[in-house]
Amino acid sequence: RENIALLIVPASLIRNWKSEIDRFAPSLRCWIAHPSGHGLSRPPLA
């Protein structure tokens, strides 16, 4: 089943979280809802 978590962080920590995910939990797929990431439009989260 779909089981999505929302992570809210200061803008300065977005890249830190992404790098930690890539390094320690690469099986987790993340969407960055921010202009510096994938943008702010509604994404297909499946």
ModelCIF file with pLDDT and N, C-alpha, C, O atoms, coordinates in Angstrom:
data_MODEL
#
_entry.id   MODEL 
#
_entity.id                         1 
_entity.type                       polymer 
_entity.pdbx_number_of_molecules   1 
#
_entity_poly.entity_id                      1 
_entity_poly.type                           'polypeptide(L)' 
_entity_poly.nstd_linkage                   no 
_entity_poly.nstd_monomer                   no 
_entity_poly.pdbx_seq_one_letter_code       RENIALLIVPASLIRNWKSEIDRFAPSLRCWIAHPSGHGLSRPPLA 
_entity_poly.pdbx_seq_one_letter_code_can   RENIALLIVPASLIRNWKSEIDRFAPSLRCWIAHPSGHGLSRPPLA 
_entity_poly.pdbx_strand_id                 A 
#
loop_
_entity_poly_seq.entity_id 
_entity_poly_seq.num 
_entity_poly_seq.mon_id 
_entity_poly_seq.hetero 
1 1  ARG n 
1 2  GLU n 
1 3  ASN n 
1 4  ILE n 
1 5  ALA n 
1 6  LEU n 
1 7  LEU n 
1 8  ILE n 
1 9  VAL n 
1 10 PRO n 
1 11 ALA n 
1 12 SER n 
1 13 LEU n 
1 14 ILE n 
1 15 ARG n 
1 16 ASN n 
1 17 TRP n 
1 18 LYS n 
1 19 SER n 
1 20 GLU n 
1 21 ILE n 
1 22 ASP n 
1 23 ARG n 
1 24 PHE n 
1 25 ALA n 
1 26 PRO n 
1 27 SER n 
1 28 LEU n 
1 29 ARG n 
1 30 CYS n 
1 31 TRP n 
1 32 ILE n 
1 33 ALA n 
1 34 HIS n 
1 35 PRO n 
1 36 SER n 
1 37 GLY n 
1 38 HIS n 
1 39 GLY n 
1 40 LEU n 
1 41 SER n 
1 42 ARG n 
1 43 PRO n 
1 44 PRO n 
1 45 LEU n 
1 46 ALA n 
#
_struct_asym.id          A 
_struct_asym.entity_id   1 
#
loop_
_ma_qa_metric.id 
_ma_qa_metric.mode 
_ma_qa_metric.name 
_ma_qa_metric.software_group_id 
_ma_qa_metric.type 
1 global pLDDT . pLDDT 
2 local  pLDDT . pLDDT 
#
_ma_qa_metric_global.metric_id      1 
_ma_qa_metric_global.metric_value   91.00 
_ma_qa_metric_global.model_id       1 
_ma_qa_metric_global.ordinal_id     1 
#
loop_
_ma_qa_metric_local.label_asym_id 
_ma_qa_metric_local.label_comp_id 
_ma_qa_metric_local.label_seq_id 
_ma_qa_metric_local.metric_id 
_ma_qa_metric_local.metric_value 
_ma_qa_metric_local.model_id 
_ma_qa_metric_local.ordinal_id 
A ARG 1  2 66.00 1 1  
A GLU 2  2 74.00 1 2  
A ASN 3  2 83.00 1 3  
A ILE 4  2 91.00 1 4  
A ALA 5  2 94.00 1 5  
A LEU 6  2 96.00 1 6  
A LEU 7  2 97.00 1 7  
A ILE 8  2 96.00 1 8  
A VAL 9  2 95.00 1 9  
A PRO 10 2 92.00 1 10 
A ALA 11 2 90.00 1 11 
A SER 12 2 89.00 1 12 
A LEU 13 2 93.00 1 13 
A ILE 14 2 94.00 1 14 
A ARG 15 2 93.00 1 15 
A ASN 16 2 94.00 1 16 
A TRP 17 2 95.00 1 17 
A LYS 18 2 95.00 1 18 
A SER 19 2 95.00 1 19 
A GLU 20 2 95.00 1 20 
A ILE 21 2 96.00 1 21 
A ASP 22 2 95.00 1 22 
A ARG 23 2 95.00 1 23 
A PHE 24 2 95.00 1 24 
A ALA 25 2 94.00 1 25 
A PRO 26 2 94.00 1 26 
A SER 27 2 93.00 1 27 
A LEU 28 2 93.00 1 28 
A ARG 29 2 93.00 1 29 
A CYS 30 2 93.00 1 30 
A TRP 31 2 94.00 1 31 
A ILE 32 2 95.00 1 32 
A ALA 33 2 94.00 1 33 
A HIS 34 2 93.00 1 34 
A PRO 35 2 91.00 1 35 
A SER 36 2 88.00 1 36 
A GLY 37 2 89.00 1 37 
A HIS 38 2 89.00 1 38 
A GLY 39 2 89.00 1 39 
A LEU 40 2 88.00 1 40 
A SER 41 2 89.00 1 41 
A ARG 42 2 88.00 1 42 
A PRO 43 2 86.00 1 43 
A PRO 44 2 86.00 1 44 
A LEU 45 2 85.00 1 45 
A ALA 46 2 84.00 1 46 
#
loop_
_atom_site.group_PDB 
_atom_site.id 
_atom_site.type_symbol 
_atom_site.label_atom_id 
_atom_site.label_alt_id 
_atom_site.label_comp_id 
_atom_site.label_asym_id 
_atom_site.label_entity_id 
_atom_site.label_seq_id 
_atom_site.pdbx_PDB_ins_code 
_atom_site.Cartn_x 
_atom_site.Cartn_y 
_atom_site.Cartn_z 
_atom_site.occupancy 
_atom_site.B_iso_or_equiv 
_atom_site.pdbx_formal_charge 
_atom_site.auth_seq_id 
_atom_site.auth_comp_id 
_atom_site.auth_asym_id 
_atom_site.auth_atom_id 
_atom_site.pdbx_PDB_model_num 
ATOM 1   N N  . ARG A 1 1  ? 0.833  -1.206 0.000  1.00 66.00 ? 1  ARG A N  1 
ATOM 2   C CA . ARG A 1 1  ? 0.000  0.000  0.000  1.00 66.00 ? 1  ARG A CA 1 
ATOM 3   C C  . ARG A 1 1  ? 0.866  1.253  0.000  1.00 66.00 ? 1  ARG A C  1 
ATOM 4   O O  . ARG A 1 1  ? 2.036  1.224  0.382  1.00 66.00 ? 1  ARG A O  1 
ATOM 5   N N  . GLU A 1 2  ? 0.262  2.351  -0.437 1.00 74.00 ? 2  GLU A N  1 
ATOM 6   C CA . GLU A 1 2  ? 0.955  3.634  -0.455 1.00 74.00 ? 2  GLU A CA 1 
ATOM 7   C C  . GLU A 1 2  ? 1.141  4.127  0.973  1.00 74.00 ? 2  GLU A C  1 
ATOM 8   O O  . GLU A 1 2  ? 0.193  4.160  1.757  1.00 74.00 ? 2  GLU A O  1 
ATOM 9   N N  . ASN A 1 3  ? 2.347  4.502  1.298  1.00 83.00 ? 3  ASN A N  1 
ATOM 10  C CA . ASN A 1 3  ? 2.666  4.836  2.687  1.00 83.00 ? 3  ASN A CA 1 
ATOM 11  C C  . ASN A 1 3  ? 3.711  5.947  2.678  1.00 83.00 ? 3  ASN A C  1 
ATOM 12  O O  . ASN A 1 3  ? 4.887  5.706  2.952  1.00 83.00 ? 3  ASN A O  1 
ATOM 13  N N  . ILE A 1 4  ? 3.274  7.164  2.362  1.00 91.00 ? 4  ILE A N  1 
ATOM 14  C CA . ILE A 1 4  ? 4.216  8.259  2.111  1.00 91.00 ? 4  ILE A CA 1 
ATOM 15  C C  . ILE A 1 4  ? 4.354  9.152  3.334  1.00 91.00 ? 4  ILE A C  1 
ATOM 16  O O  . ILE A 1 4  ? 3.364  9.527  3.963  1.00 91.00 ? 4  ILE A O  1 
ATOM 17  N N  . ALA A 1 5  ? 5.580  9.480  3.656  1.00 94.00 ? 5  ALA A N  1 
ATOM 18  C CA . ALA A 1 5  ? 5.883  10.386 4.763  1.00 94.00 ? 5  ALA A CA 1 
ATOM 19  C C  . ALA A 1 5  ? 6.228  11.763 4.219  1.00 94.00 ? 5  ALA A C  1 
ATOM 20  O O  . ALA A 1 5  ? 6.828  11.887 3.151  1.00 94.00 ? 5  ALA A O  1 
ATOM 21  N N  . LEU A 1 6  ? 5.847  12.797 4.959  1.00 96.00 ? 6  LEU A N  1 
ATOM 22  C CA . LEU A 1 6  ? 6.199  14.168 4.619  1.00 96.00 ? 6  LEU A CA 1 
ATOM 23  C C  . LEU A 1 6  ? 7.269  14.631 5.592  1.00 96.00 ? 6  LEU A C  1 
ATOM 24  O O  . LEU A 1 6  ? 7.072  14.582 6.807  1.00 96.00 ? 6  LEU A O  1 
ATOM 25  N N  . LEU A 1 7  ? 8.392  15.077 5.068  1.00 97.00 ? 7  LEU A N  1 
ATOM 26  C CA . LEU A 1 7  ? 9.502  15.568 5.873  1.00 97.00 ? 7  LEU A CA 1 
ATOM 27  C C  . LEU A 1 7  ? 9.625  17.072 5.666  1.00 97.00 ? 7  LEU A C  1 
ATOM 28  O O  . LEU A 1 7  ? 9.852  17.531 4.547  1.00 97.00 ? 7  LEU A O  1 
ATOM 29  N N  . ILE A 1 8  ? 9.474  17.843 6.750  1.00 96.00 ? 8  ILE A N  1 
ATOM 30  C CA . ILE A 1 8  ? 9.549  19.304 6.679  1.00 96.00 ? 8  ILE A CA 1 
ATOM 31  C C  . ILE A 1 8  ? 10.859 19.750 7.315  1.00 96.00 ? 8  ILE A C  1 
ATOM 32  O O  . ILE A 1 8  ? 11.131 19.440 8.475  1.00 96.00 ? 8  ILE A O  1 
ATOM 33  N N  . VAL A 1 9  ? 11.671 20.480 6.549  1.00 95.00 ? 9  VAL A N  1 
ATOM 34  C CA . VAL A 1 9  ? 13.005 20.868 7.027  1.00 95.00 ? 9  VAL A CA 1 
ATOM 35  C C  . VAL A 1 9  ? 13.287 22.321 6.641  1.00 95.00 ? 9  VAL A C  1 
ATOM 36  O O  . VAL A 1 9  ? 12.625 22.852 5.749  1.00 95.00 ? 9  VAL A O  1 
ATOM 37  N N  . PRO A 1 10 ? 14.249 22.974 7.290  1.00 92.00 ? 10 PRO A N  1 
ATOM 38  C CA . PRO A 1 10 ? 14.725 24.267 6.786  1.00 92.00 ? 10 PRO A CA 1 
ATOM 39  C C  . PRO A 1 10 ? 15.343 24.073 5.403  1.00 92.00 ? 10 PRO A C  1 
ATOM 40  O O  . PRO A 1 10 ? 15.903 23.015 5.116  1.00 92.00 ? 10 PRO A O  1 
ATOM 41  N N  . ALA A 1 11 ? 15.246 25.074 4.558  1.00 90.00 ? 11 ALA A N  1 
ATOM 42  C CA . ALA A 1 11 ? 15.746 24.952 3.187  1.00 90.00 ? 11 ALA A CA 1 
ATOM 43  C C  . ALA A 1 11 ? 17.218 24.556 3.142  1.00 90.00 ? 11 ALA A C  1 
ATOM 44  O O  . ALA A 1 11 ? 17.643 23.846 2.229  1.00 90.00 ? 11 ALA A O  1 
ATOM 45  N N  . SER A 1 12 ? 17.994 25.009 4.118  1.00 89.00 ? 12 SER A N  1 
ATOM 46  C CA . SER A 1 12 ? 19.428 24.719 4.126  1.00 89.00 ? 12 SER A CA 1 
ATOM 47  C C  . SER A 1 12 ? 19.742 23.245 4.369  1.00 89.00 ? 12 SER A C  1 
ATOM 48  O O  . SER A 1 12 ? 20.873 22.812 4.149  1.00 89.00 ? 12 SER A O  1 
ATOM 49  N N  . LEU A 1 13 ? 18.753 22.468 4.822  1.00 93.00 ? 13 LEU A N  1 
ATOM 50  C CA . LEU A 1 13 ? 19.006 21.063 5.143  1.00 93.00 ? 13 LEU A CA 1 
ATOM 51  C C  . LEU A 1 13 ? 18.465 20.085 4.098  1.00 93.00 ? 13 LEU A C  1 
ATOM 52  O O  . LEU A 1 13 ? 18.593 18.872 4.266  1.00 93.00 ? 13 LEU A O  1 
ATOM 53  N N  . ILE A 1 14 ? 17.870 20.593 3.032  1.00 94.00 ? 14 ILE A N  1 
ATOM 54  C CA . ILE A 1 14 ? 17.315 19.694 2.016  1.00 94.00 ? 14 ILE A CA 1 
ATOM 55  C C  . ILE A 1 14 ? 18.396 18.784 1.443  1.00 94.00 ? 14 ILE A C  1 
ATOM 56  O O  . ILE A 1 14 ? 18.223 17.566 1.385  1.00 94.00 ? 14 ILE A O  1 
ATOM 57  N N  . ARG A 1 15 ? 19.498 19.370 1.024  1.00 93.00 ? 15 ARG A N  1 
ATOM 58  C CA . ARG A 1 15 ? 20.568 18.580 0.404  1.00 93.00 ? 15 ARG A CA 1 
ATOM 59  C C  . ARG A 1 15 ? 21.201 17.614 1.401  1.00 93.00 ? 15 ARG A C  1 
ATOM 60  O O  . ARG A 1 15 ? 21.603 16.509 1.038  1.00 93.00 ? 15 ARG A O  1 
ATOM 61  N N  . ASN A 1 16 ? 21.285 18.038 2.656  1.00 94.00 ? 16 ASN A N  1 
ATOM 62  C CA . ASN A 1 16 ? 21.836 17.152 3.676  1.00 94.00 ? 16 ASN A CA 1 
ATOM 63  C C  . ASN A 1 16 ? 20.975 15.900 3.840  1.00 94.00 ? 16 ASN A C  1 
ATOM 64  O O  . ASN A 1 16 ? 21.496 14.787 3.911  1.00 94.00 ? 16 ASN A O  1 
ATOM 65  N N  . TRP A 1 17 ? 19.660 16.087 3.900  1.00 95.00 ? 17 TRP A N  1 
ATOM 66  C CA . TRP A 1 17 ? 18.762 14.936 4.025  1.00 95.00 ? 17 TRP A CA 1 
ATOM 67  C C  . TRP A 1 17 ? 18.848 14.037 2.792  1.00 95.00 ? 17 TRP A C  1 
ATOM 68  O O  . TRP A 1 17 ? 18.871 12.811 2.907  1.00 95.00 ? 17 TRP A O  1 
ATOM 69  N N  . LYS A 1 18 ? 18.898 14.661 1.609  1.00 95.00 ? 18 LYS A N  1 
ATOM 70  C CA . LYS A 1 18 ? 18.969 13.871 0.378  1.00 95.00 ? 18 LYS A CA 1 
ATOM 71  C C  . LYS A 1 18 ? 20.257 13.044 0.339  1.00 95.00 ? 18 LYS A C  1 
ATOM 72  O O  . LYS A 1 18 ? 20.235 11.875 -0.045 1.00 95.00 ? 18 LYS A O  1 
ATOM 73  N N  . SER A 1 19 ? 21.363 13.645 0.732  1.00 95.00 ? 19 SER A N  1 
ATOM 74  C CA . SER A 1 19 ? 22.632 12.904 0.705  1.00 95.00 ? 19 SER A CA 1 
ATOM 75  C C  . SER A 1 19 ? 22.638 11.784 1.738  1.00 95.00 ? 19 SER A C  1 
ATOM 76  O O  . SER A 1 19 ? 23.203 10.718 1.492  1.00 95.00 ? 19 SER A O  1 
ATOM 77  N N  . GLU A 1 20 ? 22.008 12.016 2.905  1.00 95.00 ? 20 GLU A N  1 
ATOM 78  C CA . GLU A 1 20 ? 21.926 10.971 3.929  1.00 95.00 ? 20 GLU A CA 1 
ATOM 79  C C  . GLU A 1 20 ? 21.063 9.805  3.454  1.00 95.00 ? 20 GLU A C  1 
ATOM 80  O O  . GLU A 1 20 ? 21.371 8.644  3.724  1.00 95.00 ? 20 GLU A O  1 
ATOM 81  N N  . ILE A 1 21 ? 19.988 10.122 2.751  1.00 96.00 ? 21 ILE A N  1 
ATOM 82  C CA . ILE A 1 21 ? 19.131 9.072  2.199  1.00 96.00 ? 21 ILE A CA 1 
ATOM 83  C C  . ILE A 1 21 ? 19.896 8.255  1.159  1.00 96.00 ? 21 ILE A C  1 
ATOM 84  O O  . ILE A 1 21 ? 19.879 7.025  1.189  1.00 96.00 ? 21 ILE A O  1 
ATOM 85  N N  . ASP A 1 22 ? 20.560 8.945  0.249  1.00 95.00 ? 22 ASP A N  1 
ATOM 86  C CA . ASP A 1 22 ? 21.323 8.254  -0.797 1.00 95.00 ? 22 ASP A CA 1 
ATOM 87  C C  . ASP A 1 22 ? 22.420 7.375  -0.210 1.00 95.00 ? 22 ASP A C  1 
ATOM 88  O O  . ASP A 1 22 ? 22.718 6.306  -0.742 1.00 95.00 ? 22 ASP A O  1 
ATOM 89  N N  . ARG A 1 23 ? 23.016 7.825  0.882  1.00 95.00 ? 23 ARG A N  1 
ATOM 90  C CA . ARG A 1 23 ? 24.139 7.100  1.479  1.00 95.00 ? 23 ARG A CA 1 
ATOM 91  C C  . ARG A 1 23 ? 23.686 5.932  2.351  1.00 95.00 ? 23 ARG A C  1 
ATOM 92  O O  . ARG A 1 23 ? 24.226 4.831  2.245  1.00 95.00 ? 23 ARG A O  1 
ATOM 93  N N  . PHE A 1 24 ? 22.689 6.171  3.220  1.00 95.00 ? 24 PHE A N  1 
ATOM 94  C CA . PHE A 1 24 ? 22.333 5.165  4.219  1.00 95.00 ? 24 PHE A CA 1 
ATOM 95  C C  . PHE A 1 24 ? 21.051 4.396  3.931  1.00 95.00 ? 24 PHE A C  1 
ATOM 96  O O  . PHE A 1 24 ? 20.877 3.282  4.424  1.00 95.00 ? 24 PHE A O  1 
ATOM 97  N N  . ALA A 1 25 ? 20.147 4.975  3.136  1.00 94.00 ? 25 ALA A N  1 
ATOM 98  C CA . ALA A 1 25 ? 18.877 4.300  2.852  1.00 94.00 ? 25 ALA A CA 1 
ATOM 99  C C  . ALA A 1 25 ? 18.515 4.466  1.382  1.00 94.00 ? 25 ALA A C  1 
ATOM 100 O O  . ALA A 1 25 ? 17.475 5.046  1.070  1.00 94.00 ? 25 ALA A O  1 
ATOM 101 N N  . PRO A 1 26 ? 19.346 3.972  0.477  1.00 94.00 ? 26 PRO A N  1 
ATOM 102 C CA . PRO A 1 26 ? 19.119 4.195  -0.961 1.00 94.00 ? 26 PRO A CA 1 
ATOM 103 C C  . PRO A 1 26 ? 17.836 3.567  -1.496 1.00 94.00 ? 26 PRO A C  1 
ATOM 104 O O  . PRO A 1 26 ? 17.388 3.927  -2.585 1.00 94.00 ? 26 PRO A O  1 
ATOM 105 N N  . SER A 1 27 ? 17.239 2.641  -0.758 1.00 93.00 ? 27 SER A N  1 
ATOM 106 C CA . SER A 1 27 ? 15.992 2.027  -1.229 1.00 93.00 ? 27 SER A CA 1 
ATOM 107 C C  . SER A 1 27 ? 14.797 2.967  -1.058 1.00 93.00 ? 27 SER A C  1 
ATOM 108 O O  . SER A 1 27 ? 13.735 2.722  -1.630 1.00 93.00 ? 27 SER A O  1 
ATOM 109 N N  . LEU A 1 28 ? 14.957 4.041  -0.276 1.00 93.00 ? 28 LEU A N  1 
ATOM 110 C CA . LEU A 1 28 ? 13.875 5.014  -0.098 1.00 93.00 ? 28 LEU A CA 1 
ATOM 111 C C  . LEU A 1 28 ? 13.861 5.987  -1.277 1.00 93.00 ? 28 LEU A C  1 
ATOM 112 O O  . LEU A 1 28 ? 14.884 6.580  -1.618 1.00 93.00 ? 28 LEU A O  1 
ATOM 113 N N  . ARG A 1 29 ? 12.693 6.142  -1.889 1.00 93.00 ? 29 ARG A N  1 
ATOM 114 C CA . ARG A 1 29 ? 12.552 7.092  -2.995 1.00 93.00 ? 29 ARG A CA 1 
ATOM 115 C C  . ARG A 1 29 ? 11.929 8.378  -2.473 1.00 93.00 ? 29 ARG A C  1 
ATOM 116 O O  . ARG A 1 29 ? 10.891 8.350  -1.811 1.00 93.00 ? 29 ARG A O  1 
ATOM 117 N N  . CYS A 1 30 ? 12.574 9.516  -2.777 1.00 93.00 ? 30 CYS A N  1 
ATOM 118 C CA . CYS A 1 30 ? 12.065 10.780 -2.247 1.00 93.00 ? 30 CYS A CA 1 
ATOM 119 C C  . CYS A 1 30 ? 11.807 11.796 -3.353 1.00 93.00 ? 30 CYS A C  1 
ATOM 120 O O  . CYS A 1 30 ? 12.498 11.825 -4.371 1.00 93.00 ? 30 CYS A O  1 
ATOM 121 N N  . TRP A 1 31 ? 10.800 12.622 -3.128 1.00 94.00 ? 31 TRP A N  1 
ATOM 122 C CA . TRP A 1 31 ? 10.436 13.728 -4.011 1.00 94.00 ? 31 TRP A CA 1 
ATOM 123 C C  . TRP A 1 31 ? 10.687 15.020 -3.242 1.00 94.00 ? 31 TRP A C  1 
ATOM 124 O O  . TRP A 1 31 ? 10.212 15.170 -2.116 1.00 94.00 ? 31 TRP A O  1 
ATOM 125 N N  . ILE A 1 32 ? 11.427 15.954 -3.836 1.00 95.00 ? 32 ILE A N  1 
ATOM 126 C CA . ILE A 1 32 ? 11.752 17.213 -3.162 1.00 95.00 ? 32 ILE A CA 1 
ATOM 127 C C  . ILE A 1 32 ? 10.811 18.300 -3.669 1.00 95.00 ? 32 ILE A C  1 
ATOM 128 O O  . ILE A 1 32 ? 10.968 18.795 -4.785 1.00 95.00 ? 32 ILE A O  1 
ATOM 129 N N  . ALA A 1 33 ? 9.831  18.670 -2.845 1.00 94.00 ? 33 ALA A N  1 
ATOM 130 C CA . ALA A 1 33 ? 8.854  19.691 -3.206 1.00 94.00 ? 33 ALA A CA 1 
ATOM 131 C C  . ALA A 1 33 ? 9.404  21.068 -2.845 1.00 94.00 ? 33 ALA A C  1 
ATOM 132 O O  . ALA A 1 33 ? 9.031  21.662 -1.833 1.00 94.00 ? 33 ALA A O  1 
ATOM 133 N N  . HIS A 1 34 ? 10.290 21.550 -3.690 1.00 93.00 ? 34 HIS A N  1 
ATOM 134 C CA . HIS A 1 34 ? 10.957 22.827 -3.447 1.00 93.00 ? 34 HIS A CA 1 
ATOM 135 C C  . HIS A 1 34 ? 11.550 23.297 -4.774 1.00 93.00 ? 34 HIS A C  1 
ATOM 136 O O  . HIS A 1 34 ? 11.935 22.462 -5.593 1.00 93.00 ? 34 HIS A O  1 
ATOM 137 N N  . PRO A 1 35 ? 11.634 24.609 -5.011 1.00 91.00 ? 35 PRO A N  1 
ATOM 138 C CA . PRO A 1 35 ? 12.211 25.090 -6.276 1.00 91.00 ? 35 PRO A CA 1 
ATOM 139 C C  . PRO A 1 35 ? 13.612 24.554 -6.547 1.00 91.00 ? 35 PRO A C  1 
ATOM 140 O O  . PRO A 1 35 ? 14.000 24.414 -7.706 1.00 91.00 ? 35 PRO A O  1 
ATOM 141 N N  . SER A 1 36 ? 14.376 24.252 -5.502 1.00 88.00 ? 36 SER A N  1 
ATOM 142 C CA . SER A 1 36 ? 15.722 23.726 -5.707 1.00 88.00 ? 36 SER A CA 1 
ATOM 143 C C  . SER A 1 36 ? 15.726 22.236 -6.024 1.00 88.00 ? 36 SER A C  1 
ATOM 144 O O  . SER A 1 36 ? 16.772 21.670 -6.342 1.00 88.00 ? 36 SER A O  1 
ATOM 145 N N  . GLY A 1 37 ? 14.551 21.594 -5.939 1.00 89.00 ? 37 GLY A N  1 
ATOM 146 C CA . GLY A 1 37 ? 14.456 20.168 -6.216 1.00 89.00 ? 37 GLY A CA 1 
ATOM 147 C C  . GLY A 1 37 ? 13.595 19.881 -7.432 1.00 89.00 ? 37 GLY A C  1 
ATOM 148 O O  . GLY A 1 37 ? 13.929 20.269 -8.551 1.00 89.00 ? 37 GLY A O  1 
ATOM 149 N N  . HIS A 1 38 ? 12.461 19.183 -7.194 1.00 89.00 ? 38 HIS A N  1 
ATOM 150 C CA . HIS A 1 38 ? 11.570 18.823 -8.304 1.00 89.00 ? 38 HIS A CA 1 
ATOM 151 C C  . HIS A 1 38 ? 10.518 19.886 -8.605 1.00 89.00 ? 38 HIS A C  1 
ATOM 152 O O  . HIS A 1 38 ? 9.699  19.703 -9.506 1.00 89.00 ? 38 HIS A O  1 
ATOM 153 N N  . GLY A 1 39 ? 10.529 20.989 -7.867 1.00 89.00 ? 39 GLY A N  1 
ATOM 154 C CA . GLY A 1 39 ? 9.538  22.034 -8.096 1.00 89.00 ? 39 GLY A CA 1 
ATOM 155 C C  . GLY A 1 39 ? 8.359  21.899 -7.149 1.00 89.00 ? 39 GLY A C  1 
ATOM 156 O O  . GLY A 1 39 ? 8.321  20.997 -6.312 1.00 89.00 ? 39 GLY A O  1 
ATOM 157 N N  . LEU A 1 40 ? 7.381  22.818 -7.289 1.00 88.00 ? 40 LEU A N  1 
ATOM 158 C CA . LEU A 1 40 ? 6.260  22.876 -6.354 1.00 88.00 ? 40 LEU A CA 1 
ATOM 159 C C  . LEU A 1 40 ? 4.957  22.344 -6.925 1.00 88.00 ? 40 LEU A C  1 
ATOM 160 O O  . LEU A 1 40 ? 3.956  22.293 -6.209 1.00 88.00 ? 40 LEU A O  1 
ATOM 161 N N  . SER A 1 41 ? 4.937  21.948 -8.186 1.00 89.00 ? 41 SER A N  1 
ATOM 162 C CA . SER A 1 41 ? 3.695  21.438 -8.769 1.00 89.00 ? 41 SER A CA 1 
ATOM 163 C C  . SER A 1 41 ? 3.347  20.079 -8.194 1.00 89.00 ? 41 SER A C  1 
ATOM 164 O O  . SER A 1 41 ? 4.214  19.370 -7.682 1.00 89.00 ? 41 SER A O  1 
ATOM 165 N N  . ARG A 1 42 ? 2.073  19.719 -8.278 1.00 88.00 ? 42 ARG A N  1 
ATOM 166 C CA . ARG A 1 42 ? 1.606  18.460 -7.717 1.00 88.00 ? 42 ARG A CA 1 
ATOM 167 C C  . ARG A 1 42 ? 2.258  17.284 -8.455 1.00 88.00 ? 42 ARG A C  1 
ATOM 168 O O  . ARG A 1 42 ? 2.127  17.177 -9.675 1.00 88.00 ? 42 ARG A O  1 
ATOM 169 N N  . PRO A 1 43 ? 2.959  16.405 -7.731 1.00 86.00 ? 43 PRO A N  1 
ATOM 170 C CA . PRO A 1 43 ? 3.670  15.306 -8.393 1.00 86.00 ? 43 PRO A CA 1 
ATOM 171 C C  . PRO A 1 43 ? 2.855  14.017 -8.422 1.00 86.00 ? 43 PRO A C  1 
ATOM 172 O O  . PRO A 1 43 ? 1.912  13.866 -7.645 1.00 86.00 ? 43 PRO A O  1 
ATOM 173 N N  . PRO A 1 44 ? 3.205  13.086 -9.307 1.00 86.00 ? 44 PRO A N  1 
ATOM 174 C CA . PRO A 1 44 ? 2.637  11.732 -9.238 1.00 86.00 ? 44 PRO A CA 1 
ATOM 175 C C  . PRO A 1 44 ? 3.430  10.943 -8.191 1.00 86.00 ? 44 PRO A C  1 
ATOM 176 O O  . PRO A 1 44 ? 4.547  10.503 -8.467 1.00 86.00 ? 44 PRO A O  1 
ATOM 177 N N  . LEU A 1 45 ? 2.870  10.762 -7.005 1.00 85.00 ? 45 LEU A N  1 
ATOM 178 C CA . LEU A 1 45 ? 3.633  10.225 -5.882 1.00 85.00 ? 45 LEU A CA 1 
ATOM 179 C C  . LEU A 1 45 ? 3.637  8.705  -5.786 1.00 85.00 ? 45 LEU A C  1 
ATOM 180 O O  . LEU A 1 45 ? 4.231  8.143  -4.866 1.00 85.00 ? 45 LEU A O  1 
ATOM 181 N N  . ALA A 1 46 ? 2.984  8.042  -6.722 1.00 84.00 ? 46 ALA A N  1 
ATOM 182 C CA . ALA A 1 46 ? 2.980  6.581  -6.678 1.00 84.00 ? 46 ALA A CA 1 
ATOM 183 C C  . ALA A 1 46 ? 4.416  6.048  -6.747 1.00 84.00 ? 46 ALA A C  1 
ATOM 184 O O  . ALA A 1 46 ? 4.626  4.836  -6.724 1.00 84.00 ? 46 ALA A O  1 
#
